[in-house]
Amino acid sequence: MTPGSRDFWEGRYAASAADGTSLWGEAPNGWVADRVAALAPAPGLAVDLGAGEGRNAFWLAGRGWRVVATDFSPSAVAGMTSRATAAGADVGAVVADATAWRSPEPADLAVLCYLQLPPEALAAAIARAAESLAEGGLLLGIWHDREDVARGLGGTMTPAIRTTPEETGAAAAGAGLTIELSGRRDRETAAGIACDCLLIARRPAPIDA
């Protein structure tokens, strides 16, 4: 079973559900939360692609967003569905591949949080996210950077499913988005310094004639 594959993640999420534990906890990603909190527009529709257990999706719903959260793991989606029902949260969970799924309703926000894929697959996921956005909609992306292997918290993740600002920025631009931020940040962890790849991009609104 290849780390990062559908079967790999289904096994991890199924085991976590059986144990009554969580792989990632309930707190949202701090960078995503900070960026969303700084947005001026009122909450609308958000899509969380590769949402896992839904930590970002449920945080968004708690702040008034309508959320569609996708993951290719049926166990992860079943867990999000059960949690949404129990909490009365406005989170719809869908079993879907982020490289192929696009929102049937234009979204105001698309989140890709540590959706680690090989370059071509990641470019496809970014393109689908771009196609899901309404005019003026925002994409927030954060990934483990490939530089992490050489100078940071290498861990067990292979370089093939890490990325760089150059790759994610090119994918977003190729999908017709306007880049607002493409870069890196160092992040302290208990095991050392990790390097994240960051992307903020927007679907342009048409220019009035």
N, C-alpha and C. Protein backbone atom coordinates (compact mmCIF):
# COMPACT_ATOMS: atom_id res chain seq x y z
N MET A 1 0.85 -1.19 0.00
CA MET A 1 0.00 0.00 0.00
C MET A 1 0.89 1.24 0.00
N THR A 2 0.75 2.08 -1.01
CA THR A 2 1.60 3.24 -1.17
C THR A 2 1.15 4.38 -0.27
N PRO A 3 2.07 4.95 0.54
CA PRO A 3 1.68 6.12 1.34
C PRO A 3 1.14 7.22 0.44
N GLY A 4 0.00 7.78 0.81
CA GLY A 4 -0.62 8.81 0.00
C GLY A 4 -1.69 8.29 -0.93
N SER A 5 -1.78 6.98 -1.10
CA SER A 5 -2.77 6.41 -2.00
C SER A 5 -4.14 6.39 -1.33
N ARG A 6 -5.18 6.15 -2.16
CA ARG A 6 -6.54 6.07 -1.64
C ARG A 6 -6.65 4.97 -0.58
N ASP A 7 -6.10 3.79 -0.85
CA ASP A 7 -6.19 2.68 0.10
C ASP A 7 -5.45 3.00 1.39
N PHE A 8 -4.32 3.68 1.27
CA PHE A 8 -3.54 4.05 2.45
C PHE A 8 -4.37 4.94 3.38
N TRP A 9 -4.98 5.99 2.82
CA TRP A 9 -5.74 6.91 3.65
C TRP A 9 -7.05 6.30 4.14
N GLU A 10 -7.68 5.49 3.32
CA GLU A 10 -8.89 4.83 3.79
C GLU A 10 -8.57 3.95 4.99
N GLY A 11 -7.45 3.25 4.95
CA GLY A 11 -7.05 2.42 6.08
C GLY A 11 -6.81 3.25 7.33
N ARG A 12 -6.16 4.39 7.18
CA ARG A 12 -5.87 5.23 8.34
C ARG A 12 -7.14 5.83 8.93
N TYR A 13 -8.03 6.33 8.06
CA TYR A 13 -9.25 6.94 8.58
C TYR A 13 -10.21 5.89 9.16
N ALA A 14 -10.25 4.71 8.55
CA ALA A 14 -11.10 3.64 9.08
C ALA A 14 -10.61 3.21 10.45
N ALA A 15 -9.29 3.07 10.61
CA ALA A 15 -8.72 2.67 11.89
C ALA A 15 -8.97 3.74 12.95
N SER A 16 -8.82 5.00 12.57
CA SER A 16 -9.06 6.09 13.51
C SER A 16 -10.51 6.11 13.97
N ALA A 17 -11.44 5.90 13.02
CA ALA A 17 -12.86 5.89 13.38
C ALA A 17 -13.17 4.73 14.31
N ALA A 18 -12.57 3.57 14.06
CA ALA A 18 -12.82 2.39 14.88
C ALA A 18 -12.31 2.60 16.31
N ASP A 19 -11.21 3.34 16.44
CA ASP A 19 -10.63 3.60 17.76
C ASP A 19 -11.27 4.79 18.47
N GLY A 20 -12.11 5.53 17.75
CA GLY A 20 -12.70 6.72 18.34
C GLY A 20 -11.70 7.84 18.53
N THR A 21 -10.67 7.86 17.69
CA THR A 21 -9.63 8.88 17.79
C THR A 21 -9.65 9.75 16.54
N SER A 22 -8.79 10.75 16.52
CA SER A 22 -8.68 11.65 15.38
C SER A 22 -7.23 11.72 14.94
N LEU A 23 -7.03 11.72 13.62
CA LEU A 23 -5.67 11.85 13.11
C LEU A 23 -5.14 13.27 13.27
N TRP A 24 -6.01 14.26 13.11
CA TRP A 24 -5.54 15.64 13.02
C TRP A 24 -6.13 16.56 14.09
N GLY A 25 -7.05 16.07 14.91
CA GLY A 25 -7.67 16.92 15.90
C GLY A 25 -8.77 17.78 15.30
N GLU A 26 -9.38 18.64 16.11
CA GLU A 26 -10.50 19.45 15.67
C GLU A 26 -10.13 20.89 15.34
N ALA A 27 -8.98 21.35 15.77
CA ALA A 27 -8.58 22.74 15.50
C ALA A 27 -8.25 22.92 14.03
N PRO A 28 -8.62 24.05 13.44
CA PRO A 28 -8.29 24.28 12.03
C PRO A 28 -6.81 24.52 11.85
N ASN A 29 -6.35 24.43 10.63
CA ASN A 29 -5.00 24.86 10.33
C ASN A 29 -4.87 26.35 10.64
N GLY A 30 -3.84 26.72 11.36
CA GLY A 30 -3.71 28.09 11.82
C GLY A 30 -3.57 29.09 10.69
N TRP A 31 -2.82 28.74 9.65
CA TRP A 31 -2.63 29.67 8.53
C TRP A 31 -3.95 29.88 7.80
N VAL A 32 -4.69 28.79 7.55
CA VAL A 32 -5.98 28.91 6.88
C VAL A 32 -6.93 29.77 7.72
N ALA A 33 -6.99 29.51 9.03
CA ALA A 33 -7.88 30.28 9.90
C ALA A 33 -7.53 31.76 9.90
N ASP A 34 -6.25 32.08 9.95
CA ASP A 34 -5.83 33.48 9.95
C ASP A 34 -6.22 34.18 8.65
N ARG A 35 -6.04 33.48 7.52
CA ARG A 35 -6.37 34.09 6.22
C ARG A 35 -7.88 34.30 6.09
N VAL A 36 -8.65 33.32 6.51
CA VAL A 36 -10.11 33.43 6.40
C VAL A 36 -10.62 34.54 7.33
N ALA A 37 -10.06 34.62 8.54
CA ALA A 37 -10.50 35.64 9.49
C ALA A 37 -10.25 37.04 8.97
N ALA A 38 -9.27 37.19 8.07
CA ALA A 38 -8.93 38.50 7.54
C ALA A 38 -9.79 38.89 6.34
N LEU A 39 -10.63 37.98 5.84
CA LEU A 39 -11.45 38.28 4.67
C LEU A 39 -12.53 39.29 5.02
N ALA A 40 -12.73 40.25 4.12
CA ALA A 40 -13.75 41.27 4.35
C ALA A 40 -15.16 40.79 3.99
N PRO A 41 -15.34 40.04 2.89
CA PRO A 41 -16.71 39.68 2.50
C PRO A 41 -17.39 38.79 3.53
N ALA A 42 -18.73 38.85 3.56
CA ALA A 42 -19.49 37.95 4.42
C ALA A 42 -19.30 36.52 3.94
N PRO A 43 -19.38 35.55 4.85
CA PRO A 43 -19.20 34.15 4.45
C PRO A 43 -20.22 33.73 3.40
N GLY A 44 -19.78 32.88 2.49
CA GLY A 44 -20.65 32.32 1.46
C GLY A 44 -20.45 30.82 1.40
N LEU A 45 -20.24 30.29 0.20
CA LEU A 45 -19.99 28.86 0.02
C LEU A 45 -18.50 28.60 -0.03
N ALA A 46 -18.04 27.65 0.79
CA ALA A 46 -16.64 27.22 0.78
C ALA A 46 -16.56 25.75 0.41
N VAL A 47 -15.54 25.38 -0.35
CA VAL A 47 -15.26 23.98 -0.64
C VAL A 47 -13.90 23.64 -0.04
N ASP A 48 -13.84 22.53 0.67
CA ASP A 48 -12.62 22.06 1.32
C ASP A 48 -12.26 20.75 0.65
N LEU A 49 -11.20 20.76 -0.15
CA LEU A 49 -10.85 19.62 -1.00
C LEU A 49 -9.78 18.76 -0.33
N GLY A 50 -10.05 17.46 -0.23
CA GLY A 50 -9.15 16.60 0.53
C GLY A 50 -9.25 16.93 2.00
N ALA A 51 -10.50 17.02 2.49
CA ALA A 51 -10.76 17.59 3.82
C ALA A 51 -10.41 16.66 4.97
N GLY A 52 -10.20 15.37 4.70
CA GLY A 52 -9.88 14.44 5.78
C GLY A 52 -11.03 14.33 6.76
N GLU A 53 -10.75 14.63 8.03
CA GLU A 53 -11.78 14.57 9.06
C GLU A 53 -12.58 15.86 9.18
N GLY A 54 -12.22 16.87 8.39
CA GLY A 54 -13.03 18.07 8.32
C GLY A 54 -12.70 19.17 9.31
N ARG A 55 -11.47 19.20 9.83
CA ARG A 55 -11.17 20.21 10.85
C ARG A 55 -11.36 21.64 10.32
N ASN A 56 -10.95 21.90 9.07
CA ASN A 56 -11.15 23.23 8.51
C ASN A 56 -12.60 23.46 8.12
N ALA A 57 -13.25 22.42 7.60
CA ALA A 57 -14.64 22.54 7.16
C ALA A 57 -15.55 22.91 8.32
N PHE A 58 -15.39 22.24 9.46
CA PHE A 58 -16.27 22.53 10.59
C PHE A 58 -15.95 23.88 11.23
N TRP A 59 -14.70 24.28 11.20
CA TRP A 59 -14.35 25.62 11.69
C TRP A 59 -15.01 26.67 10.81
N LEU A 60 -14.97 26.49 9.49
CA LEU A 60 -15.62 27.44 8.58
C LEU A 60 -17.13 27.49 8.83
N ALA A 61 -17.74 26.31 8.98
CA ALA A 61 -19.18 26.27 9.22
C ALA A 61 -19.54 27.00 10.51
N GLY A 62 -18.68 26.90 11.50
CA GLY A 62 -18.92 27.58 12.77
C GLY A 62 -18.86 29.09 12.66
N ARG A 63 -18.32 29.57 11.56
CA ARG A 63 -18.23 31.01 11.34
C ARG A 63 -19.17 31.47 10.23
N GLY A 64 -20.16 30.65 9.94
CA GLY A 64 -21.22 31.08 9.05
C GLY A 64 -21.10 30.66 7.60
N TRP A 65 -20.02 29.95 7.25
CA TRP A 65 -19.88 29.48 5.87
C TRP A 65 -20.75 28.26 5.63
N ARG A 66 -21.31 28.14 4.44
CA ARG A 66 -21.84 26.87 3.96
C ARG A 66 -20.66 26.12 3.37
N VAL A 67 -20.51 24.85 3.72
CA VAL A 67 -19.30 24.14 3.34
C VAL A 67 -19.63 22.82 2.65
N VAL A 68 -18.91 22.56 1.57
CA VAL A 68 -18.89 21.23 0.97
C VAL A 68 -17.47 20.71 1.13
N ALA A 69 -17.33 19.59 1.82
CA ALA A 69 -16.02 19.00 2.10
C ALA A 69 -15.90 17.69 1.34
N THR A 70 -14.81 17.52 0.61
CA THR A 70 -14.61 16.30 -0.16
C THR A 70 -13.39 15.53 0.35
N ASP A 71 -13.45 14.23 0.20
CA ASP A 71 -12.29 13.39 0.42
C ASP A 71 -12.49 12.09 -0.35
N PHE A 72 -11.40 11.46 -0.76
CA PHE A 72 -11.57 10.20 -1.50
C PHE A 72 -11.68 8.99 -0.58
N SER A 73 -11.61 9.22 0.74
CA SER A 73 -11.78 8.14 1.72
C SER A 73 -13.24 8.07 2.17
N PRO A 74 -13.96 6.97 1.88
CA PRO A 74 -15.33 6.85 2.37
C PRO A 74 -15.43 6.92 3.88
N SER A 75 -14.45 6.40 4.60
CA SER A 75 -14.49 6.46 6.06
C SER A 75 -14.38 7.88 6.56
N ALA A 76 -13.51 8.69 5.93
CA ALA A 76 -13.39 10.09 6.32
C ALA A 76 -14.70 10.83 6.07
N VAL A 77 -15.33 10.57 4.93
CA VAL A 77 -16.58 11.25 4.60
C VAL A 77 -17.70 10.80 5.53
N ALA A 78 -17.74 9.51 5.84
CA ALA A 78 -18.76 9.02 6.78
C ALA A 78 -18.61 9.69 8.13
N GLY A 79 -17.38 9.88 8.58
CA GLY A 79 -17.15 10.55 9.85
C GLY A 79 -17.60 11.99 9.82
N MET A 80 -17.32 12.70 8.71
CA MET A 80 -17.76 14.09 8.62
C MET A 80 -19.28 14.18 8.58
N THR A 81 -19.91 13.26 7.87
CA THR A 81 -21.37 13.27 7.77
C THR A 81 -22.01 13.05 9.14
N SER A 82 -21.48 12.09 9.89
CA SER A 82 -22.01 11.83 11.23
C SER A 82 -21.83 13.03 12.14
N ARG A 83 -20.67 13.65 12.07
CA ARG A 83 -20.40 14.81 12.92
C ARG A 83 -21.31 15.98 12.55
N ALA A 84 -21.50 16.20 11.24
CA ALA A 84 -22.36 17.30 10.81
C ALA A 84 -23.79 17.09 11.28
N THR A 85 -24.28 15.85 11.19
CA THR A 85 -25.64 15.54 11.62
C THR A 85 -25.79 15.77 13.12
N ALA A 86 -24.81 15.29 13.89
CA ALA A 86 -24.88 15.42 15.35
C ALA A 86 -24.81 16.87 15.80
N ALA A 87 -24.01 17.65 15.09
CA ALA A 87 -23.79 19.04 15.51
C ALA A 87 -24.73 20.03 14.82
N GLY A 88 -25.48 19.56 13.83
CA GLY A 88 -26.31 20.48 13.06
C GLY A 88 -25.49 21.47 12.27
N ALA A 89 -24.29 21.04 11.84
CA ALA A 89 -23.38 21.93 11.12
C ALA A 89 -23.70 21.93 9.64
N ASP A 90 -23.51 23.07 8.99
CA ASP A 90 -23.79 23.22 7.57
C ASP A 90 -22.59 22.74 6.76
N VAL A 91 -22.31 21.44 6.88
CA VAL A 91 -21.21 20.81 6.16
C VAL A 91 -21.76 19.61 5.40
N GLY A 92 -21.66 19.66 4.08
CA GLY A 92 -22.01 18.52 3.26
C GLY A 92 -20.74 17.80 2.86
N ALA A 93 -20.66 16.50 3.12
CA ALA A 93 -19.46 15.73 2.84
C ALA A 93 -19.69 14.84 1.63
N VAL A 94 -18.70 14.80 0.73
CA VAL A 94 -18.83 14.10 -0.54
C VAL A 94 -17.59 13.23 -0.76
N VAL A 95 -17.80 11.97 -1.14
CA VAL A 95 -16.69 11.12 -1.55
C VAL A 95 -16.30 11.53 -2.96
N ALA A 96 -15.12 12.08 -3.13
CA ALA A 96 -14.72 12.58 -4.43
C ALA A 96 -13.20 12.70 -4.50
N ASP A 97 -12.68 12.57 -5.71
CA ASP A 97 -11.26 12.76 -6.01
C ASP A 97 -11.04 14.24 -6.33
N ALA A 98 -10.17 14.89 -5.60
CA ALA A 98 -9.94 16.33 -5.78
C ALA A 98 -9.39 16.66 -7.16
N THR A 99 -8.81 15.69 -7.85
CA THR A 99 -8.28 15.96 -9.19
C THR A 99 -9.37 15.97 -10.25
N ALA A 100 -10.58 15.52 -9.88
CA ALA A 100 -11.66 15.42 -10.87
C ALA A 100 -12.92 16.17 -10.48
N TRP A 101 -13.13 16.43 -9.19
CA TRP A 101 -14.38 17.02 -8.72
C TRP A 101 -14.37 18.53 -8.84
N ARG A 102 -15.49 19.09 -9.28
CA ARG A 102 -15.68 20.54 -9.23
C ARG A 102 -17.04 20.83 -8.63
N SER A 103 -17.14 21.92 -7.94
CA SER A 103 -18.38 22.27 -7.26
C SER A 103 -19.47 22.56 -8.27
N PRO A 104 -20.67 21.98 -8.09
CA PRO A 104 -21.77 22.30 -9.00
C PRO A 104 -22.30 23.71 -8.80
N GLU A 105 -21.98 24.33 -7.67
CA GLU A 105 -22.38 25.71 -7.39
C GLU A 105 -21.12 26.54 -7.22
N PRO A 106 -21.01 27.69 -7.88
CA PRO A 106 -19.81 28.51 -7.74
C PRO A 106 -19.52 28.83 -6.28
N ALA A 107 -18.27 28.64 -5.89
CA ALA A 107 -17.86 28.81 -4.49
C ALA A 107 -17.11 30.12 -4.31
N ASP A 108 -17.24 30.67 -3.11
CA ASP A 108 -16.53 31.90 -2.77
C ASP A 108 -15.13 31.63 -2.24
N LEU A 109 -14.91 30.40 -1.77
CA LEU A 109 -13.64 30.04 -1.17
C LEU A 109 -13.34 28.57 -1.45
N ALA A 110 -12.11 28.28 -1.83
CA ALA A 110 -11.65 26.90 -1.98
C ALA A 110 -10.41 26.73 -1.12
N VAL A 111 -10.39 25.66 -0.33
CA VAL A 111 -9.28 25.38 0.57
C VAL A 111 -8.62 24.06 0.18
N LEU A 112 -7.31 24.09 0.00
CA LEU A 112 -6.52 22.88 -0.19
C LEU A 112 -5.45 22.88 0.90
N CYS A 113 -5.64 22.06 1.91
CA CYS A 113 -4.77 22.06 3.08
C CYS A 113 -4.02 20.74 3.19
N TYR A 114 -2.74 20.78 2.88
CA TYR A 114 -1.86 19.60 2.89
C TYR A 114 -2.44 18.47 2.04
N LEU A 115 -2.96 18.85 0.88
CA LEU A 115 -3.37 17.86 -0.12
C LEU A 115 -2.13 17.52 -0.94
N GLN A 116 -1.41 16.52 -0.48
CA GLN A 116 -0.09 16.20 -1.05
C GLN A 116 -0.24 15.19 -2.19
N LEU A 117 0.06 15.65 -3.40
CA LEU A 117 -0.11 14.84 -4.60
C LEU A 117 1.11 15.02 -5.51
N PRO A 118 1.37 14.07 -6.41
CA PRO A 118 2.41 14.29 -7.42
C PRO A 118 2.09 15.52 -8.26
N PRO A 119 3.09 16.12 -8.91
CA PRO A 119 2.89 17.41 -9.58
C PRO A 119 1.71 17.46 -10.55
N GLU A 120 1.56 16.49 -11.42
CA GLU A 120 0.47 16.55 -12.40
C GLU A 120 -0.89 16.45 -11.72
N ALA A 121 -0.99 15.58 -10.72
CA ALA A 121 -2.25 15.43 -10.00
C ALA A 121 -2.58 16.68 -9.20
N LEU A 122 -1.56 17.29 -8.59
CA LEU A 122 -1.80 18.51 -7.83
C LEU A 122 -2.23 19.64 -8.74
N ALA A 123 -1.62 19.75 -9.92
CA ALA A 123 -2.03 20.77 -10.88
C ALA A 123 -3.48 20.57 -11.28
N ALA A 124 -3.90 19.30 -11.43
CA ALA A 124 -5.29 19.01 -11.78
C ALA A 124 -6.22 19.42 -10.65
N ALA A 125 -5.82 19.16 -9.39
CA ALA A 125 -6.65 19.54 -8.25
C ALA A 125 -6.79 21.06 -8.16
N ILE A 126 -5.70 21.77 -8.39
CA ILE A 126 -5.76 23.23 -8.38
C ILE A 126 -6.66 23.74 -9.50
N ALA A 127 -6.58 23.12 -10.68
CA ALA A 127 -7.44 23.52 -11.80
C ALA A 127 -8.91 23.29 -11.47
N ARG A 128 -9.23 22.14 -10.85
CA ARG A 128 -10.63 21.87 -10.48
C ARG A 128 -11.11 22.87 -9.42
N ALA A 129 -10.23 23.20 -8.48
CA ALA A 129 -10.59 24.19 -7.47
C ALA A 129 -10.85 25.54 -8.13
N ALA A 130 -10.01 25.91 -9.10
CA ALA A 130 -10.20 27.18 -9.81
C ALA A 130 -11.54 27.18 -10.54
N GLU A 131 -11.88 26.06 -11.17
CA GLU A 131 -13.15 25.97 -11.88
C GLU A 131 -14.35 26.01 -10.93
N SER A 132 -14.13 25.68 -9.68
CA SER A 132 -15.20 25.70 -8.69
C SER A 132 -15.49 27.09 -8.17
N LEU A 133 -14.58 28.03 -8.40
CA LEU A 133 -14.71 29.36 -7.81
C LEU A 133 -15.64 30.25 -8.60
N ALA A 134 -16.41 31.05 -7.88
CA ALA A 134 -17.16 32.13 -8.49
C ALA A 134 -16.19 33.25 -8.88
N GLU A 135 -16.65 34.17 -9.71
CA GLU A 135 -15.82 35.33 -10.03
C GLU A 135 -15.50 36.09 -8.74
N GLY A 136 -14.25 36.36 -8.53
CA GLY A 136 -13.80 37.00 -7.30
C GLY A 136 -13.51 36.03 -6.17
N GLY A 137 -13.79 34.73 -6.40
CA GLY A 137 -13.57 33.73 -5.36
C GLY A 137 -12.09 33.50 -5.08
N LEU A 138 -11.79 33.05 -3.87
CA LEU A 138 -10.41 32.94 -3.38
C LEU A 138 -10.02 31.49 -3.17
N LEU A 139 -8.80 31.16 -3.57
CA LEU A 139 -8.21 29.84 -3.28
C LEU A 139 -7.11 30.03 -2.24
N LEU A 140 -7.17 29.23 -1.18
CA LEU A 140 -6.12 29.17 -0.17
C LEU A 140 -5.49 27.80 -0.22
N GLY A 141 -4.17 27.74 -0.41
CA GLY A 141 -3.48 26.45 -0.45
C GLY A 141 -2.25 26.45 0.44
N ILE A 142 -2.08 25.35 1.18
CA ILE A 142 -0.88 25.16 1.99
C ILE A 142 -0.46 23.71 1.87
N TRP A 143 0.85 23.50 1.65
CA TRP A 143 1.38 22.15 1.44
C TRP A 143 2.74 22.01 2.14
N HIS A 144 3.16 20.78 2.34
CA HIS A 144 4.53 20.50 2.76
C HIS A 144 5.44 20.75 1.56
N ASP A 145 6.43 21.62 1.73
CA ASP A 145 7.30 22.03 0.65
C ASP A 145 8.40 20.98 0.42
N ARG A 146 8.83 20.87 -0.82
CA ARG A 146 9.90 19.92 -1.15
C ARG A 146 11.21 20.30 -0.47
N GLU A 147 11.42 21.58 -0.21
CA GLU A 147 12.65 22.00 0.46
C GLU A 147 12.75 21.41 1.87
N ASP A 148 11.61 21.05 2.42
CA ASP A 148 11.57 20.47 3.76
C ASP A 148 12.48 19.26 3.87
N VAL A 149 12.55 18.49 2.80
CA VAL A 149 13.34 17.26 2.82
C VAL A 149 14.81 17.58 3.04
N ALA A 150 15.30 18.65 2.40
CA ALA A 150 16.72 18.99 2.46
C ALA A 150 17.08 19.80 3.70
N ARG A 151 16.21 20.70 4.12
CA ARG A 151 16.63 21.64 5.17
C ARG A 151 15.69 21.74 6.36
N GLY A 152 14.63 20.96 6.35
CA GLY A 152 13.68 21.09 7.44
C GLY A 152 13.32 19.76 8.06
N LEU A 153 12.04 19.64 8.34
CA LEU A 153 11.52 18.45 8.99
C LEU A 153 11.19 17.43 7.92
N GLY A 154 12.15 16.60 7.56
CA GLY A 154 11.99 15.71 6.43
C GLY A 154 10.88 14.70 6.60
N GLY A 155 10.78 14.09 7.75
CA GLY A 155 9.74 13.10 8.00
C GLY A 155 9.82 11.92 7.04
N THR A 156 8.68 11.29 6.81
CA THR A 156 8.66 10.11 5.95
C THR A 156 8.04 10.39 4.59
N MET A 157 7.55 11.60 4.37
CA MET A 157 6.88 11.91 3.11
C MET A 157 7.90 12.03 1.97
N THR A 158 7.65 11.36 0.87
CA THR A 158 8.60 11.36 -0.24
C THR A 158 8.58 12.70 -0.96
N PRO A 159 9.71 13.09 -1.58
CA PRO A 159 9.73 14.35 -2.33
C PRO A 159 8.69 14.39 -3.45
N ALA A 160 8.32 13.23 -3.98
CA ALA A 160 7.41 13.19 -5.12
C ALA A 160 6.03 13.76 -4.81
N ILE A 161 5.62 13.74 -3.55
CA ILE A 161 4.30 14.29 -3.21
C ILE A 161 4.42 15.57 -2.37
N ARG A 162 5.60 16.16 -2.40
CA ARG A 162 5.76 17.52 -1.89
C ARG A 162 5.76 18.47 -3.08
N THR A 163 5.69 19.76 -2.81
CA THR A 163 5.59 20.70 -3.92
C THR A 163 6.40 21.95 -3.63
N THR A 164 6.33 22.93 -4.51
CA THR A 164 7.06 24.18 -4.38
C THR A 164 6.15 25.34 -4.78
N PRO A 165 6.46 26.56 -4.36
CA PRO A 165 5.68 27.72 -4.81
C PRO A 165 5.71 27.88 -6.32
N GLU A 166 6.83 27.51 -6.94
CA GLU A 166 6.91 27.63 -8.40
C GLU A 166 5.88 26.71 -9.07
N GLU A 167 5.73 25.49 -8.56
CA GLU A 167 4.79 24.54 -9.16
C GLU A 167 3.34 24.93 -8.88
N THR A 168 3.03 25.26 -7.64
CA THR A 168 1.64 25.60 -7.31
C THR A 168 1.24 26.92 -7.95
N GLY A 169 2.16 27.88 -7.97
CA GLY A 169 1.86 29.16 -8.60
C GLY A 169 1.62 29.01 -10.09
N ALA A 170 2.44 28.19 -10.75
CA ALA A 170 2.27 27.96 -12.18
C ALA A 170 0.95 27.26 -12.47
N ALA A 171 0.57 26.32 -11.61
CA ALA A 171 -0.70 25.62 -11.80
C ALA A 171 -1.87 26.57 -11.65
N ALA A 172 -1.81 27.45 -10.65
CA ALA A 172 -2.89 28.41 -10.43
C ALA A 172 -2.98 29.40 -11.58
N ALA A 173 -1.84 29.91 -12.02
CA ALA A 173 -1.85 30.84 -13.14
C ALA A 173 -2.36 30.16 -14.41
N GLY A 174 -1.95 28.91 -14.62
CA GLY A 174 -2.42 28.17 -15.78
C GLY A 174 -3.91 27.92 -15.76
N ALA A 175 -4.49 27.91 -14.55
CA ALA A 175 -5.94 27.72 -14.40
C ALA A 175 -6.69 29.04 -14.47
N GLY A 176 -5.99 30.14 -14.76
CA GLY A 176 -6.64 31.42 -14.95
C GLY A 176 -6.80 32.25 -13.69
N LEU A 177 -6.13 31.86 -12.59
CA LEU A 177 -6.24 32.61 -11.35
C LEU A 177 -5.18 33.70 -11.28
N THR A 178 -5.49 34.75 -10.53
CA THR A 178 -4.53 35.82 -10.26
C THR A 178 -3.84 35.52 -8.94
N ILE A 179 -2.51 35.48 -8.96
CA ILE A 179 -1.74 35.13 -7.77
C ILE A 179 -1.63 36.33 -6.84
N GLU A 180 -2.02 36.14 -5.58
CA GLU A 180 -1.86 37.19 -4.57
C GLU A 180 -0.69 36.89 -3.64
N LEU A 181 -0.39 35.62 -3.46
CA LEU A 181 0.76 35.21 -2.64
C LEU A 181 1.22 33.85 -3.13
N SER A 182 2.51 33.72 -3.34
CA SER A 182 3.11 32.43 -3.66
C SER A 182 4.48 32.41 -3.00
N GLY A 183 4.63 31.60 -1.97
CA GLY A 183 5.89 31.63 -1.24
C GLY A 183 6.02 30.51 -0.24
N ARG A 184 6.98 30.68 0.67
CA ARG A 184 7.26 29.66 1.68
C ARG A 184 7.24 30.31 3.06
N ARG A 185 7.08 29.45 4.07
CA ARG A 185 7.26 29.90 5.45
C ARG A 185 7.88 28.76 6.24
N ASP A 186 8.69 29.09 7.22
CA ASP A 186 9.19 28.11 8.16
C ASP A 186 8.25 28.06 9.36
N ARG A 187 8.04 26.86 9.86
CA ARG A 187 7.08 26.65 10.95
C ARG A 187 7.73 25.75 11.99
N GLU A 188 7.70 26.20 13.25
CA GLU A 188 8.28 25.40 14.32
C GLU A 188 7.35 24.25 14.69
N THR A 189 7.92 23.06 14.85
CA THR A 189 7.18 21.90 15.33
C THR A 189 7.99 21.26 16.45
N ALA A 190 7.37 20.30 17.13
CA ALA A 190 8.07 19.61 18.22
C ALA A 190 9.28 18.85 17.70
N ALA A 191 9.25 18.48 16.42
CA ALA A 191 10.34 17.69 15.85
C ALA A 191 11.37 18.54 15.11
N GLY A 192 11.13 19.83 14.99
CA GLY A 192 12.08 20.67 14.27
C GLY A 192 11.36 21.70 13.42
N ILE A 193 12.09 22.30 12.48
CA ILE A 193 11.55 23.34 11.62
C ILE A 193 10.99 22.71 10.35
N ALA A 194 9.71 22.98 10.08
CA ALA A 194 9.07 22.51 8.86
C ALA A 194 8.95 23.67 7.89
N CYS A 195 8.91 23.36 6.60
CA CYS A 195 8.78 24.37 5.56
C CYS A 195 7.47 24.15 4.81
N ASP A 196 6.62 25.15 4.79
CA ASP A 196 5.34 25.08 4.09
C ASP A 196 5.39 25.88 2.80
N CYS A 197 4.67 25.38 1.80
CA CYS A 197 4.44 26.08 0.54
C CYS A 197 3.07 26.74 0.63
N LEU A 198 2.98 28.03 0.32
CA LEU A 198 1.75 28.79 0.49
C LEU A 198 1.27 29.37 -0.83
N LEU A 199 -0.04 29.40 -1.00
CA LEU A 199 -0.63 29.98 -2.20
C LEU A 199 -1.94 30.68 -1.85
N ILE A 200 -2.07 31.92 -2.28
CA ILE A 200 -3.34 32.63 -2.27
C ILE A 200 -3.57 33.13 -3.68
N ALA A 201 -4.70 32.74 -4.26
CA ALA A 201 -4.99 33.12 -5.65
C ALA A 201 -6.48 33.37 -5.78
N ARG A 202 -6.85 34.21 -6.75
CA ARG A 202 -8.24 34.62 -6.89
C ARG A 202 -8.68 34.47 -8.35
N ARG A 203 -9.94 34.06 -8.53
CA ARG A 203 -10.51 34.05 -9.86
C ARG A 203 -10.91 35.48 -10.21
N PRO A 204 -10.37 36.03 -11.29
CA PRO A 204 -10.66 37.45 -11.57
C PRO A 204 -12.12 37.68 -11.89
N ALA A 205 -12.61 38.81 -11.47
CA ALA A 205 -13.94 39.28 -11.88
C ALA A 205 -13.79 39.98 -13.22
N PRO A 206 -14.81 39.94 -14.06
CA PRO A 206 -14.70 40.60 -15.37
C PRO A 206 -14.57 42.11 -15.22
N ILE A 207 -13.82 42.69 -16.10
CA ILE A 207 -13.66 44.15 -16.11
C ILE A 207 -14.84 44.76 -16.83
N ASP A 208 -15.49 45.69 -16.19
CA ASP A 208 -16.64 46.36 -16.83
C ASP A 208 -16.20 47.13 -18.07
N ALA A 209 -17.02 47.01 -19.09
CA ALA A 209 -16.68 47.71 -20.35
C ALA A 209 -16.86 49.22 -20.16
